[in-house]
Amino acid sequence: ERTFLAYVRTALAFFAAGTAILSFFDKVIGHRAIVVVVGSGLYAL
């Protein structure tokens, strides 16, 4: 059960990272298409 909960926390971290990438990383990663691919990839993960 603890391992299950660790996977749930990991999934939530992927969602948070995807949100951060899609919201704030346009200036760090210069191309919007790459931002969308990485952010969406984190959501999918």
Full PDB file with SEQRES, HELIX, SHEET, SSBOND, CRYST1, ORIGX, SCALE, CONECT and MASTER records, all heavy atoms in Angstrom:
SEQRES   1 A   45  GLU ARG THR PHE LEU ALA TYR VAL ARG THR ALA LEU ALA          
SEQRES   2 A   45  PHE PHE ALA ALA GLY THR ALA ILE LEU SER PHE PHE ASP          
SEQRES   3 A   45  LYS VAL ILE GLY HIS ARG ALA ILE VAL VAL VAL VAL GLY          
SEQRES   4 A   45  SER GLY LEU TYR ALA LEU                                      
HELIX    1 AA1 ARG A    2  PHE A   24  1                                  23    
HELIX    2 AA2 ARG A   32  ALA A   44  1                                  13    
CRYST1    1.000    1.000    1.000  90.00  90.00  90.00 P 1           1          
ORIGX1      1.000000  0.000000  0.000000        0.00000                         
ORIGX2      0.000000  1.000000  0.000000        0.00000                         
ORIGX3      0.000000  0.000000  1.000000        0.00000                         
SCALE1      1.000000  0.000000  0.000000        0.00000                         
SCALE2      0.000000  1.000000  0.000000        0.00000                         
SCALE3      0.000000  0.000000  1.000000        0.00000                         
ATOM      1  N   GLU A   1       0.826  -1.207   0.000  1.00  0.00           N  
ATOM      2  CA  GLU A   1       0.000   0.000   0.000  1.00  0.00           C  
ATOM      3  C   GLU A   1       0.864   1.262   0.000  1.00  0.00           C  
ATOM      4  O   GLU A   1       0.563   2.239  -0.692  1.00  0.00           O  
ATOM      5  CB  GLU A   1      -0.915  -0.003   1.219  1.00  0.00           C  
ATOM      6  CG  GLU A   1      -1.897   1.148   1.234  1.00  0.00           C  
ATOM      7  CD  GLU A   1      -2.879   1.044   2.396  1.00  0.00           C  
ATOM      8  OE1 GLU A   1      -3.276  -0.064   2.755  1.00  0.00           O  
ATOM      9  OE2 GLU A   1      -3.227   2.112   2.922  1.00  0.00           O  
ATOM     10  N   ARG A   2       1.954   1.255   0.765  1.00  0.00           N  
ATOM     11  CA  ARG A   2       2.862   2.417   0.764  1.00  0.00           C  
ATOM     12  C   ARG A   2       3.473   2.638  -0.613  1.00  0.00           C  
ATOM     13  O   ARG A   2       3.631   3.774  -1.063  1.00  0.00           O  
ATOM     14  CB  ARG A   2       3.964   2.246   1.809  1.00  0.00           C  
ATOM     15  CG  ARG A   2       3.504   2.504   3.227  1.00  0.00           C  
ATOM     16  CD  ARG A   2       4.666   2.571   4.200  1.00  0.00           C  
ATOM     17  NE  ARG A   2       5.487   1.366   4.210  1.00  0.00           N  
ATOM     18  CZ  ARG A   2       5.250   0.291   4.953  1.00  0.00           C  
ATOM     19  NH1 ARG A   2       4.189   0.251   5.746  1.00  0.00           N  
ATOM     20  NH2 ARG A   2       6.055  -0.743   4.908  1.00  0.00           N  
ATOM     21  N   THR A   3       3.799   1.549  -1.298  1.00  0.00           N  
ATOM     22  CA  THR A   3       4.339   1.671  -2.656  1.00  0.00           C  
ATOM     23  C   THR A   3       3.282   2.251  -3.586  1.00  0.00           C  
ATOM     24  O   THR A   3       3.574   3.121  -4.410  1.00  0.00           O  
ATOM     25  CB  THR A   3       4.821   0.296  -3.162  1.00  0.00           C  
ATOM     26  OG1 THR A   3       5.801  -0.207  -2.243  1.00  0.00           O  
ATOM     27  CG2 THR A   3       5.419   0.399  -4.542  1.00  0.00           C  
ATOM     28  N   PHE A   4       2.048   1.787  -3.455  1.00  0.00           N  
ATOM     29  CA  PHE A   4       0.944   2.344  -4.239  1.00  0.00           C  
ATOM     30  C   PHE A   4       0.837   3.849  -4.014  1.00  0.00           C  
ATOM     31  O   PHE A   4       0.740   4.632  -4.962  1.00  0.00           O  
ATOM     32  CB  PHE A   4      -0.363   1.636  -3.847  1.00  0.00           C  
ATOM     33  CG  PHE A   4      -1.597   2.321  -4.351  1.00  0.00           C  
ATOM     34  CD1 PHE A   4      -2.019   2.149  -5.658  1.00  0.00           C  
ATOM     35  CD2 PHE A   4      -2.339   3.151  -3.522  1.00  0.00           C  
ATOM     36  CE1 PHE A   4      -3.160   2.783  -6.138  1.00  0.00           C  
ATOM     37  CE2 PHE A   4      -3.476   3.787  -3.988  1.00  0.00           C  
ATOM     38  CZ  PHE A   4      -3.881   3.603  -5.302  1.00  0.00           C  
ATOM     39  N   LEU A   5       0.874   4.272  -2.762  1.00  0.00           N  
ATOM     40  CA  LEU A   5       0.762   5.695  -2.450  1.00  0.00           C  
ATOM     41  C   LEU A   5       1.954   6.484  -2.983  1.00  0.00           C  
ATOM     42  O   LEU A   5       1.802   7.640  -3.400  1.00  0.00           O  
ATOM     43  CB  LEU A   5       0.596   5.892  -0.943  1.00  0.00           C  
ATOM     44  CG  LEU A   5      -0.718   5.350  -0.372  1.00  0.00           C  
ATOM     45  CD1 LEU A   5      -0.706   5.415   1.147  1.00  0.00           C  
ATOM     46  CD2 LEU A   5      -1.913   6.089  -0.941  1.00  0.00           C  
ATOM     47  N   ALA A   6       3.134   5.871  -3.011  1.00  0.00           N  
ATOM     48  CA  ALA A   6       4.301   6.542  -3.596  1.00  0.00           C  
ATOM     49  C   ALA A   6       4.099   6.753  -5.098  1.00  0.00           C  
ATOM     50  O   ALA A   6       4.467   7.806  -5.640  1.00  0.00           O  
ATOM     51  CB  ALA A   6       5.565   5.720  -3.337  1.00  0.00           C  
ATOM     52  N   TYR A   7       3.515   5.776  -5.766  1.00  0.00           N  
ATOM     53  CA  TYR A   7       3.208   5.935  -7.191  1.00  0.00           C  
ATOM     54  C   TYR A   7       2.172   7.040  -7.400  1.00  0.00           C  
ATOM     55  O   TYR A   7       2.260   7.812  -8.364  1.00  0.00           O  
ATOM     56  CB  TYR A   7       2.703   4.625  -7.797  1.00  0.00           C  
ATOM     57  CG  TYR A   7       3.807   3.710  -8.266  1.00  0.00           C  
ATOM     58  CD1 TYR A   7       4.153   2.573  -7.546  1.00  0.00           C  
ATOM     59  CD2 TYR A   7       4.511   3.976  -9.433  1.00  0.00           C  
ATOM     60  CE1 TYR A   7       5.159   1.734  -7.979  1.00  0.00           C  
ATOM     61  CE2 TYR A   7       5.514   3.139  -9.870  1.00  0.00           C  
ATOM     62  CZ  TYR A   7       5.838   2.011  -9.140  1.00  0.00           C  
ATOM     63  OH  TYR A   7       6.835   1.188  -9.572  1.00  0.00           O  
ATOM     64  N   VAL A   8       1.187   7.145  -6.517  1.00  0.00           N  
ATOM     65  CA  VAL A   8       0.188   8.207  -6.627  1.00  0.00           C  
ATOM     66  C   VAL A   8       0.869   9.571  -6.465  1.00  0.00           C  
ATOM     67  O   VAL A   8       0.601  10.507  -7.235  1.00  0.00           O  
ATOM     68  CB  VAL A   8      -0.948   8.021  -5.590  1.00  0.00           C  
ATOM     69  CG1 VAL A   8      -1.845   9.244  -5.525  1.00  0.00           C  
ATOM     70  CG2 VAL A   8      -1.761   6.775  -5.915  1.00  0.00           C  
ATOM     71  N   ARG A   9       1.767   9.691  -5.482  1.00  0.00           N  
ATOM     72  CA  ARG A   9       2.498  10.957  -5.303  1.00  0.00           C  
ATOM     73  C   ARG A   9       3.347  11.268  -6.525  1.00  0.00           C  
ATOM     74  O   ARG A   9       3.456  12.427  -6.947  1.00  0.00           O  
ATOM     75  CB  ARG A   9       3.379  10.895  -4.054  1.00  0.00           C  
ATOM     76  CG  ARG A   9       2.609  10.952  -2.758  1.00  0.00           C  
ATOM     77  CD  ARG A   9       3.526  11.113  -1.557  1.00  0.00           C  
ATOM     78  NE  ARG A   9       4.506  10.056  -1.425  1.00  0.00           N  
ATOM     79  CZ  ARG A   9       4.311   8.912  -0.765  1.00  0.00           C  
ATOM     80  NH1 ARG A   9       3.138   8.682  -0.195  1.00  0.00           N  
ATOM     81  NH2 ARG A   9       5.265   8.023  -0.668  1.00  0.00           N  
ATOM     82  N   THR A  10       3.946  10.259  -7.117  1.00  0.00           N  
ATOM     83  CA  THR A  10       4.740  10.458  -8.323  1.00  0.00           C  
ATOM     84  C   THR A  10       3.866  10.952  -9.470  1.00  0.00           C  
ATOM     85  O   THR A  10       4.249  11.867 -10.199  1.00  0.00           O  
ATOM     86  CB  THR A  10       5.461   9.146  -8.701  1.00  0.00           C  
ATOM     87  OG1 THR A  10       6.300   8.752  -7.604  1.00  0.00           O  
ATOM     88  CG2 THR A  10       6.299   9.312  -9.949  1.00  0.00           C  
ATOM     89  N   ALA A  11       2.685  10.364  -9.624  1.00  0.00           N  
ATOM     90  CA  ALA A  11       1.759  10.818 -10.672  1.00  0.00           C  
ATOM     91  C   ALA A  11       1.386  12.279 -10.453  1.00  0.00           C  
ATOM     92  O   ALA A  11       1.365  13.078 -11.402  1.00  0.00           O  
ATOM     93  CB  ALA A  11       0.509   9.940 -10.691  1.00  0.00           C  
ATOM     94  N   LEU A  12       1.101  12.652  -9.210  1.00  0.00           N  
ATOM     95  CA  LEU A  12       0.772  14.048  -8.911  1.00  0.00           C  
ATOM     96  C   LEU A  12       1.950  14.971  -9.229  1.00  0.00           C  
ATOM     97  O   LEU A  12       1.758  16.088  -9.727  1.00  0.00           O  
ATOM     98  CB  LEU A  12       0.367  14.192  -7.443  1.00  0.00           C  
ATOM     99  CG  LEU A  12      -0.982  13.573  -7.070  1.00  0.00           C  
ATOM    100  CD1 LEU A  12      -1.184  13.595  -5.558  1.00  0.00           C  
ATOM    101  CD2 LEU A  12      -2.112  14.295  -7.763  1.00  0.00           C  
ATOM    102  N   ALA A  13       3.164  14.518  -8.960  1.00  0.00           N  
ATOM    103  CA  ALA A  13       4.347  15.322  -9.283  1.00  0.00           C  
ATOM    104  C   ALA A  13       4.492  15.498 -10.792  1.00  0.00           C  
ATOM    105  O   ALA A  13       4.873  16.583 -11.256  1.00  0.00           O  
ATOM    106  CB  ALA A  13       5.602  14.664  -8.701  1.00  0.00           C  
ATOM    107  N   PHE A  14       4.186  14.467 -11.569  1.00  0.00           N  
ATOM    108  CA  PHE A  14       4.223  14.600 -13.029  1.00  0.00           C  
ATOM    109  C   PHE A  14       3.189  15.621 -13.501  1.00  0.00           C  
ATOM    110  O   PHE A  14       3.464  16.429 -14.389  1.00  0.00           O  
ATOM    111  CB  PHE A  14       3.987  13.255 -13.723  1.00  0.00           C  
ATOM    112  CG  PHE A  14       5.142  12.295 -13.608  1.00  0.00           C  
ATOM    113  CD1 PHE A  14       4.905  10.938 -13.433  1.00  0.00           C  
ATOM    114  CD2 PHE A  14       6.450  12.721 -13.688  1.00  0.00           C  
ATOM    115  CE1 PHE A  14       5.953  10.039 -13.340  1.00  0.00           C  
ATOM    116  CE2 PHE A  14       7.512  11.828 -13.600  1.00  0.00           C  
ATOM    117  CZ  PHE A  14       7.254  10.483 -13.421  1.00  0.00           C  
ATOM    118  N   PHE A  15       1.989  15.600 -12.907  1.00  0.00           N  
ATOM    119  CA  PHE A  15       0.969  16.583 -13.278  1.00  0.00           C  
ATOM    120  C   PHE A  15       1.432  18.000 -12.937  1.00  0.00           C  
ATOM    121  O   PHE A  15       1.262  18.927 -13.730  1.00  0.00           O  
ATOM    122  CB  PHE A  15      -0.362  16.289 -12.573  1.00  0.00           C  
ATOM    123  CG  PHE A  15      -1.006  14.992 -12.970  1.00  0.00           C  
ATOM    124  CD1 PHE A  15      -1.622  14.194 -12.025  1.00  0.00           C  
ATOM    125  CD2 PHE A  15      -1.012  14.566 -14.289  1.00  0.00           C  
ATOM    126  CE1 PHE A  15      -2.233  13.002 -12.382  1.00  0.00           C  
ATOM    127  CE2 PHE A  15      -1.620  13.370 -14.663  1.00  0.00           C  
ATOM    128  CZ  PHE A  15      -2.229  12.592 -13.706  1.00  0.00           C  
ATOM    129  N   ALA A  16       2.017  18.166 -11.750  1.00  0.00           N  
ATOM    130  CA  ALA A  16       2.500  19.493 -11.339  1.00  0.00           C  
ATOM    131  C   ALA A  16       3.635  19.966 -12.250  1.00  0.00           C  
ATOM    132  O   ALA A  16       3.672  21.132 -12.660  1.00  0.00           O  
ATOM    133  CB  ALA A  16       2.972  19.447  -9.891  1.00  0.00           C  
ATOM    134  N   ALA A  17       4.547  19.068 -12.592  1.00  0.00           N  
ATOM    135  CA  ALA A  17       5.658  19.433 -13.484  1.00  0.00           C  
ATOM    136  C   ALA A  17       5.136  19.778 -14.878  1.00  0.00           C  
ATOM    137  O   ALA A  17       5.609  20.747 -15.496  1.00  0.00           O  
ATOM    138  CB  ALA A  17       6.666  18.287 -13.559  1.00  0.00           C  
ATOM    139  N   GLY A  18       4.179  19.019 -15.367  1.00  0.00           N  
ATOM    140  CA  GLY A  18       3.587  19.322 -16.672  1.00  0.00           C  
ATOM    141  C   GLY A  18       2.919  20.682 -16.676  1.00  0.00           C  
ATOM    142  O   GLY A  18       3.064  21.460 -17.626  1.00  0.00           O  
ATOM    143  N   THR A  19       2.214  21.004 -15.606  1.00  0.00           N  
ATOM    144  CA  THR A  19       1.570  22.311 -15.481  1.00  0.00           C  
ATOM    145  C   THR A  19       2.616  23.421 -15.458  1.00  0.00           C  
ATOM    146  O   THR A  19       2.461  24.447 -16.127  1.00  0.00           O  
ATOM    147  CB  THR A  19       0.708  22.367 -14.210  1.00  0.00           C  
ATOM    148  OG1 THR A  19      -0.291  21.346 -14.286  1.00  0.00           O  
ATOM    149  CG2 THR A  19       0.042  23.723 -14.038  1.00  0.00           C  
ATOM    150  N   ALA A  20       3.677  23.228 -14.698  1.00  0.00           N  
ATOM    151  CA  ALA A  20       4.741  24.237 -14.618  1.00  0.00           C  
ATOM    152  C   ALA A  20       5.401  24.449 -15.977  1.00  0.00           C  
ATOM    153  O   ALA A  20       5.620  25.594 -16.391  1.00  0.00           O  
ATOM    154  CB  ALA A  20       5.778  23.811 -13.580  1.00  0.00           C  
ATOM    155  N   ILE A  21       5.711  23.365 -16.665  1.00  0.00           N  
ATOM    156  CA  ILE A  21       6.345  23.481 -17.981  1.00  0.00           C  
ATOM    157  C   ILE A  21       5.425  24.234 -18.946  1.00  0.00           C  
ATOM    158  O   ILE A  21       5.856  25.170 -19.630  1.00  0.00           O  
ATOM    159  CB  ILE A  21       6.681  22.083 -18.558  1.00  0.00           C  
ATOM    160  CG1 ILE A  21       7.725  21.375 -17.710  1.00  0.00           C  
ATOM    161  CG2 ILE A  21       7.103  22.163 -20.019  1.00  0.00           C  
ATOM    162  CD1 ILE A  21       9.130  21.880 -17.856  1.00  0.00           C  
ATOM    163  N   LEU A  22       4.160  23.836 -19.008  1.00  0.00           N  
ATOM    164  CA  LEU A  22       3.225  24.469 -19.938  1.00  0.00           C  
ATOM    165  C   LEU A  22       2.949  25.936 -19.586  1.00  0.00           C  
ATOM    166  O   LEU A  22       2.670  26.744 -20.465  1.00  0.00           O  
ATOM    167  CB  LEU A  22       1.911  23.692 -19.983  1.00  0.00           C  
ATOM    168  CG  LEU A  22       1.991  22.328 -20.668  1.00  0.00           C  
ATOM    169  CD1 LEU A  22       0.716  21.527 -20.417  1.00  0.00           C  
ATOM    170  CD2 LEU A  22       2.257  22.473 -22.151  1.00  0.00           C  
ATOM    171  N   SER A  23       3.041  26.278 -18.309  1.00  0.00           N  
ATOM    172  CA  SER A  23       2.690  27.626 -17.875  1.00  0.00           C  
ATOM    173  C   SER A  23       3.850  28.610 -17.888  1.00  0.00           C  
ATOM    174  O   SER A  23       3.656  29.787 -18.167  1.00  0.00           O  
ATOM    175  CB  SER A  23       2.112  27.577 -16.462  1.00  0.00           C  
ATOM    176  OG  SER A  23       0.961  26.775 -16.428  1.00  0.00           O  
ATOM    177  N   PHE A  24       5.065  28.152 -17.567  1.00  0.00           N  
ATOM    178  CA  PHE A  24       6.148  29.089 -17.279  1.00  0.00           C  
ATOM    179  C   PHE A  24       7.415  28.934 -18.101  1.00  0.00           C  
ATOM    180  O   PHE A  24       8.340  29.715 -17.940  1.00  0.00           O  
ATOM    181  CB  PHE A  24       6.522  29.001 -15.797  1.00  0.00           C  
ATOM    182  CG  PHE A  24       5.355  29.190 -14.869  1.00  0.00           C  
ATOM    183  CD1 PHE A  24       4.916  28.150 -14.080  1.00  0.00           C  
ATOM    184  CD2 PHE A  24       4.679  30.397 -14.815  1.00  0.00           C  
ATOM    185  CE1 PHE A  24       3.834  28.311 -13.222  1.00  0.00           C  
ATOM    186  CE2 PHE A  24       3.593  30.567 -13.956  1.00  0.00           C  
ATOM    187  CZ  PHE A  24       3.170  29.534 -13.167  1.00  0.00           C  
ATOM    188  N   PHE A  25       7.521  27.924 -18.941  1.00  0.00           N  
ATOM    189  CA  PHE A  25       8.807  27.624 -19.549  1.00  0.00           C  
ATOM    190  C   PHE A  25       8.975  28.120 -20.983  1.00  0.00           C  
ATOM    191  O   PHE A  25       9.913  27.743 -21.654  1.00  0.00           O  
ATOM    192  CB  PHE A  25       9.085  26.112 -19.473  1.00  0.00           C  
ATOM    193  CG  PHE A  25       9.684  25.706 -18.165  1.00  0.00           C  
ATOM    194  CD1 PHE A  25       8.962  25.812 -16.990  1.00  0.00           C  
ATOM    195  CD2 PHE A  25      10.978  25.232 -18.100  1.00  0.00           C  
ATOM    196  CE1 PHE A  25       9.511  25.452 -15.780  1.00  0.00           C  
ATOM    197  CE2 PHE A  25      11.538  24.860 -16.893  1.00  0.00           C  
ATOM    198  CZ  PHE A  25      10.803  24.978 -15.726  1.00  0.00           C  
ATOM    199  N   ASP A  26       8.097  28.971 -21.445  1.00  0.00           N  
ATOM    200  CA  ASP A  26       8.237  29.493 -22.815  1.00  0.00           C  
ATOM    201  C   ASP A  26       9.550  30.253 -23.002  1.00  0.00           C  
ATOM    202  O   ASP A  26      10.147  30.215 -24.066  1.00  0.00           O  
ATOM    203  CB  ASP A  26       7.058  30.396 -23.171  1.00  0.00           C  
ATOM    204  CG  ASP A  26       5.841  29.596 -23.600  1.00  0.00           C  
ATOM    205  OD1 ASP A  26       6.017  28.461 -24.068  1.00  0.00           O  
ATOM    206  OD2 ASP A  26       4.727  30.116 -23.458  1.00  0.00           O  
ATOM    207  N   LYS A  27      10.005  30.957 -21.970  1.00  0.00           N  
ATOM    208  CA  LYS A  27      11.244  31.736 -22.090  1.00  0.00           C  
ATOM    209  C   LYS A  27      12.484  30.870 -21.909  1.00  0.00           C  
ATOM    210  O   LYS A  27      13.547  31.196 -22.411  1.00  0.00           O  
ATOM    211  CB  LYS A  27      11.241  32.891 -21.111  1.00  0.00           C  
ATOM    212  CG  LYS A  27      10.180  33.913 -21.486  1.00  0.00           C  
ATOM    213  CD  LYS A  27      10.202  35.100 -20.585  1.00  0.00           C  
ATOM    214  CE  LYS A  27       9.108  36.042 -21.084  1.00  0.00           C  
ATOM    215  NZ  LYS A  27       8.728  37.038 -20.188  1.00  0.00           N  
ATOM    216  N   VAL A  28      12.358  29.774 -21.166  1.00  0.00           N  
ATOM    217  CA  VAL A  28      13.504  28.872 -20.956  1.00  0.00           C  
ATOM    218  C   VAL A  28      13.695  27.979 -22.178  1.00  0.00           C  
ATOM    219  O   VAL A  28      14.807  27.798 -22.664  1.00  0.00           O  
ATOM    220  CB  VAL A  28      13.296  28.015 -19.689  1.00  0.00           C  
ATOM    221  CG1 VAL A  28      14.428  27.015 -19.512  1.00  0.00           C  
ATOM    222  CG2 VAL A  28      13.155  28.900 -18.466  1.00  0.00           C  
ATOM    223  N   ILE A  29      12.598  27.410 -22.639  1.00  0.00           N  
ATOM    224  CA  ILE A  29      12.605  26.577 -23.841  1.00  0.00           C  
ATOM    225  C   ILE A  29      11.962  27.426 -24.933  1.00  0.00           C  
ATOM    226  O   ILE A  29      10.764  27.659 -24.916  1.00  0.00           O  
ATOM    227  CB  ILE A  29      11.821  25.265 -23.627  1.00  0.00           C  
ATOM    228  CG1 ILE A  29      12.412  24.465 -22.475  1.00  0.00           C  
ATOM    229  CG2 ILE A  29      11.815  24.434 -24.895  1.00  0.00           C  
ATOM    230  CD1 ILE A  29      11.606  23.253 -22.066  1.00  0.00           C  
ATOM    231  N   GLY A  30      12.758  27.887 -25.853  1.00  0.00           N  
ATOM    232  CA  GLY A  30      12.341  28.908 -26.791  1.00  0.00           C  
ATOM    233  C   GLY A  30      11.200  28.562 -27.728  1.00  0.00           C  
ATOM    234  O   GLY A  30      10.534  29.449 -28.232  1.00  0.00           O  
ATOM    235  N   HIS A  31      10.928  27.330 -27.978  1.00  0.00           N  
ATOM    236  CA  HIS A  31       9.915  26.938 -28.953  1.00  0.00           C  
ATOM    237  C   HIS A  31       8.688  26.391 -28.236  1.00  0.00           C  
ATOM    238  O   HIS A  31       8.774  25.443 -27.473  1.00  0.00           O  
ATOM    239  CB  HIS A  31      10.468  25.883 -29.917  1.00  0.00           C  
ATOM    240  CG  HIS A  31      11.666  26.361 -30.669  1.00  0.00           C  
ATOM    241  ND1 HIS A  31      11.599  27.355 -31.610  1.00  0.00           N  
ATOM    242  CD2 HIS A  31      12.959  25.996 -30.607  1.00  0.00           C  
ATOM    243  CE1 HIS A  31      12.797  27.573 -32.108  1.00  0.00           C  
ATOM    244  NE2 HIS A  31      13.648  26.763 -31.500  1.00  0.00           N  
ATOM    245  N   ARG A  32       7.544  26.989 -28.524  1.00  0.00           N  
ATOM    246  CA  ARG A  32       6.286  26.578 -27.879  1.00  0.00           C  
ATOM    247  C   ARG A  32       5.972  25.106 -28.159  1.00  0.00           C  
ATOM    248  O   ARG A  32       5.466  24.405 -27.272  1.00  0.00           O  
ATOM    249  CB  ARG A  32       5.131  27.468 -28.358  1.00  0.00           C  
ATOM    250  CG  ARG A  32       3.804  27.151 -27.716  1.00  0.00           C  
ATOM    251  CD  ARG A  32       3.790  27.505 -26.254  1.00  0.00           C  
ATOM    252  NE  ARG A  32       2.513  27.110 -25.654  1.00  0.00           N  
ATOM    253  CZ  ARG A  32       2.329  26.953 -24.373  1.00  0.00           C  
ATOM    254  NH1 ARG A  32       3.310  27.178 -23.528  1.00  0.00           N  
ATOM    255  NH2 ARG A  32       1.170  26.593 -23.905  1.00  0.00           N  
ATOM    256  N   ALA A  33       6.286  24.639 -29.347  1.00  0.00           N  
ATOM    257  CA  ALA A  33       6.001  23.239 -29.684  1.00  0.00           C  
ATOM    258  C   ALA A  33       6.747  22.290 -28.749  1.00  0.00           C  
ATOM    259  O   ALA A  33       6.186  21.278 -28.300  1.00  0.00           O  
ATOM    260  CB  ALA A  33       6.376  22.951 -31.134  1.00  0.00           C  
ATOM    261  N   ILE A  34       7.991  22.614 -28.426  1.00  0.00           N  
ATOM    262  CA  ILE A  34       8.767  21.752 -27.515  1.00  0.00           C  
ATOM    263  C   ILE A  34       8.194  21.832 -26.104  1.00  0.00           C  
ATOM    264  O   ILE A  34       8.100  20.824 -25.400  1.00  0.00           O  
ATOM    265  CB  ILE A  34      10.263  22.122 -27.558  1.00  0.00           C  
ATOM    266  CG1 ILE A  34      10.822  21.782 -28.938  1.00  0.00           C  
ATOM    267  CG2 ILE A  34      11.032  21.404 -26.460  1.00  0.00           C  
ATOM    268  CD1 ILE A  34      12.254  22.179 -29.163  1.00  0.00           C  
ATOM    269  N   VAL A  35       7.781  23.021 -25.689  1.00  0.00           N  
ATOM    270  CA  VAL A  35       7.147  23.183 -24.378  1.00  0.00           C  
ATOM    271  C   VAL A  35       5.891  22.316 -24.297  1.00  0.00           C  
ATOM    272  O   VAL A  35       5.669  21.618 -23.302  1.00  0.00           O  
ATOM    273  CB  VAL A  35       6.801  24.676 -24.112  1.00  0.00           C  
ATOM    274  CG1 VAL A  35       5.931  24.833 -22.879  1.00  0.00           C  
ATOM    275  CG2 VAL A  35       8.061  25.501 -23.983  1.00  0.00           C  
ATOM    276  N   VAL A  36       5.090  22.334 -25.352  1.00  0.00           N  
ATOM    277  CA  VAL A  36       3.854  21.549 -25.373  1.00  0.00           C  
ATOM    278  C   VAL A  36       4.169  20.046 -25.350  1.00  0.00           C  
ATOM    279  O   VAL A  36       3.522  19.281 -24.628  1.00  0.00           O  
ATOM    280  CB  VAL A  36       2.978  21.926 -26.592  1.00  0.00           C  
ATOM    281  CG1 VAL A  36       1.828  20.946 -26.766  1.00  0.00           C  
ATOM    282  CG2 VAL A  36       2.463  23.340 -26.444  1.00  0.00           C  
ATOM    283  N   VAL A  37       5.179  19.631 -26.111  1.00  0.00           N  
ATOM    284  CA  VAL A  37       5.546  18.207 -26.132  1.00  0.00           C  
ATOM    285  C   VAL A  37       6.012  17.750 -24.755  1.00  0.00           C  
ATOM    286  O   VAL A  37       5.561  16.714 -24.238  1.00  0.00           O  
ATOM    287  CB  VAL A  37       6.635  17.930 -27.201  1.00  0.00           C  
ATOM    288  CG1 VAL A  37       7.258  16.557 -27.010  1.00  0.00           C  
ATOM    289  CG2 VAL A  37       6.054  18.064 -28.598  1.00  0.00           C  
ATOM    290  N   VAL A  38       6.903  18.514 -24.127  1.00  0.00           N  
ATOM    291  CA  VAL A  38       7.433  18.118 -22.816  1.00  0.00           C  
ATOM    292  C   VAL A  38       6.335  18.182 -21.747  1.00  0.00           C  
ATOM    293  O   VAL A  38       6.167  17.242 -20.965  1.00  0.00           O  
ATOM    294  CB  VAL A  38       8.653  18.986 -22.429  1.00  0.00           C  
ATOM    295  CG1 VAL A  38       9.089  18.703 -20.999  1.00  0.00           C  
ATOM    296  CG2 VAL A  38       9.806  18.745 -23.393  1.00  0.00           C  
ATOM    297  N   GLY A  39       5.568  19.272 -21.721  1.00  0.00           N  
ATOM    298  CA  GLY A  39       4.493  19.395 -20.726  1.00  0.00           C  
ATOM    299  C   GLY A  39       3.427  18.331 -20.889  1.00  0.00           C  
ATOM    300  O   GLY A  39       2.992  17.706 -19.914  1.00  0.00           O  
ATOM    301  N   SER A  40       3.016  18.094 -22.122  1.00  0.00           N  
ATOM    302  CA  SER A  40       2.006  17.060 -22.385  1.00  0.00           C  
ATOM    303  C   SER A  40       2.564  15.668 -22.097  1.00  0.00           C  
ATOM    304  O   SER A  40       1.839  14.792 -21.616  1.00  0.00           O  
ATOM    305  CB  SER A  40       1.540  17.135 -23.834  1.00  0.00           C  
ATOM    306  OG  SER A  40       0.966  18.389 -24.091  1.00  0.00           O  
ATOM    307  N   GLY A  41       3.842  15.479 -22.389  1.00  0.00           N  
ATOM    308  CA  GLY A  41       4.479  14.200 -22.084  1.00  0.00           C  
ATOM    309  C   GLY A  41       4.470  13.912 -20.593  1.00  0.00           C  
ATOM    310  O   GLY A  41       4.243  12.771 -20.161  1.00  0.00           O  
ATOM    311  N   LEU A  42       4.704  14.948 -19.786  1.00  0.00           N  
ATOM    312  CA  LEU A  42       4.656  14.766 -18.329  1.00  0.00           C  
ATOM    313  C   LEU A  42       3.241  14.454 -17.860  1.00  0.00           C  
ATOM    314  O   LEU A  42       3.040  13.619 -16.977  1.00  0.00           O  
ATOM    315  CB  LEU A  42       5.213  15.999 -17.624  1.00  0.00           C  
ATOM    316  CG  LEU A  42       6.731  16.142 -17.729  1.00  0.00           C  
ATOM    317  CD1 LEU A  42       7.173  17.530 -17.291  1.00  0.00           C  
ATOM    318  CD2 LEU A  42       7.432  15.075 -16.911  1.00  0.00           C  
ATOM    319  N   TYR A  43       2.254  15.130 -18.455  1.00  0.00           N  
ATOM    320  CA  TYR A  43       0.856  14.792 -18.136  1.00  0.00           C  
ATOM    321  C   TYR A  43       0.556  13.339 -18.499  1.00  0.00           C  
ATOM    322  O   TYR A  43      -0.055  12.601 -17.723  1.00  0.00           O  
ATOM    323  CB  TYR A  43      -0.118  15.707 -18.882  1.00  0.00           C  
ATOM    324  CG  TYR A  43      -0.464  16.968 -18.137  1.00  0.00           C  
ATOM    325  CD1 TYR A  43       0.034  18.191 -18.555  1.00  0.00           C  
ATOM    326  CD2 TYR A  43      -1.301  16.936 -17.034  1.00  0.00           C  
ATOM    327  CE1 TYR A  43      -0.287  19.357 -17.883  1.00  0.00           C  
ATOM    328  CE2 TYR A  43      -1.627  18.091 -16.357  1.00  0.00           C  
ATOM    329  CZ  TYR A  43      -1.120  19.300 -16.789  1.00  0.00           C  
ATOM    330  OH  TYR A  43      -1.441  20.449 -16.115  1.00  0.00           O  
ATOM    331  N   ALA A  44       0.970  12.927 -19.687  1.00  0.00           N  
ATOM    332  CA  ALA A  44       0.730  11.538 -20.122  1.00  0.00           C  
ATOM    333  C   ALA A  44       1.407  10.552 -19.184  1.00  0.00           C  
ATOM    334  O   ALA A  44       0.842   9.505 -18.846  1.00  0.00           O  
ATOM    335  CB  ALA A  44       1.223  11.351 -21.552  1.00  0.00           C  
ATOM    336  N   LEU A  45       2.614  10.891 -18.755  1.00  0.00           N  
ATOM    337  CA  LEU A  45       3.327  10.024 -17.817  1.00  0.00           C  
ATOM    338  C   LEU A  45       2.589   9.963 -16.479  1.00  0.00           C  
ATOM    339  O   LEU A  45       2.535   8.905 -15.841  1.00  0.00           O  
ATOM    340  CB  LEU A  45       4.757  10.533 -17.642  1.00  0.00           C  
ATOM    341  CG  LEU A  45       5.787   9.583 -17.103  1.00  0.00           C  
ATOM    342  CD1 LEU A  45       5.819   8.269 -17.871  1.00  0.00           C  
ATOM    343  CD2 LEU A  45       7.148  10.248 -17.134  1.00  0.00           C  
TER     344      LEU A  45                                                      
MASTER        0    0    0    2    0    0    0    6  343    1    0    4          
END                                                                             
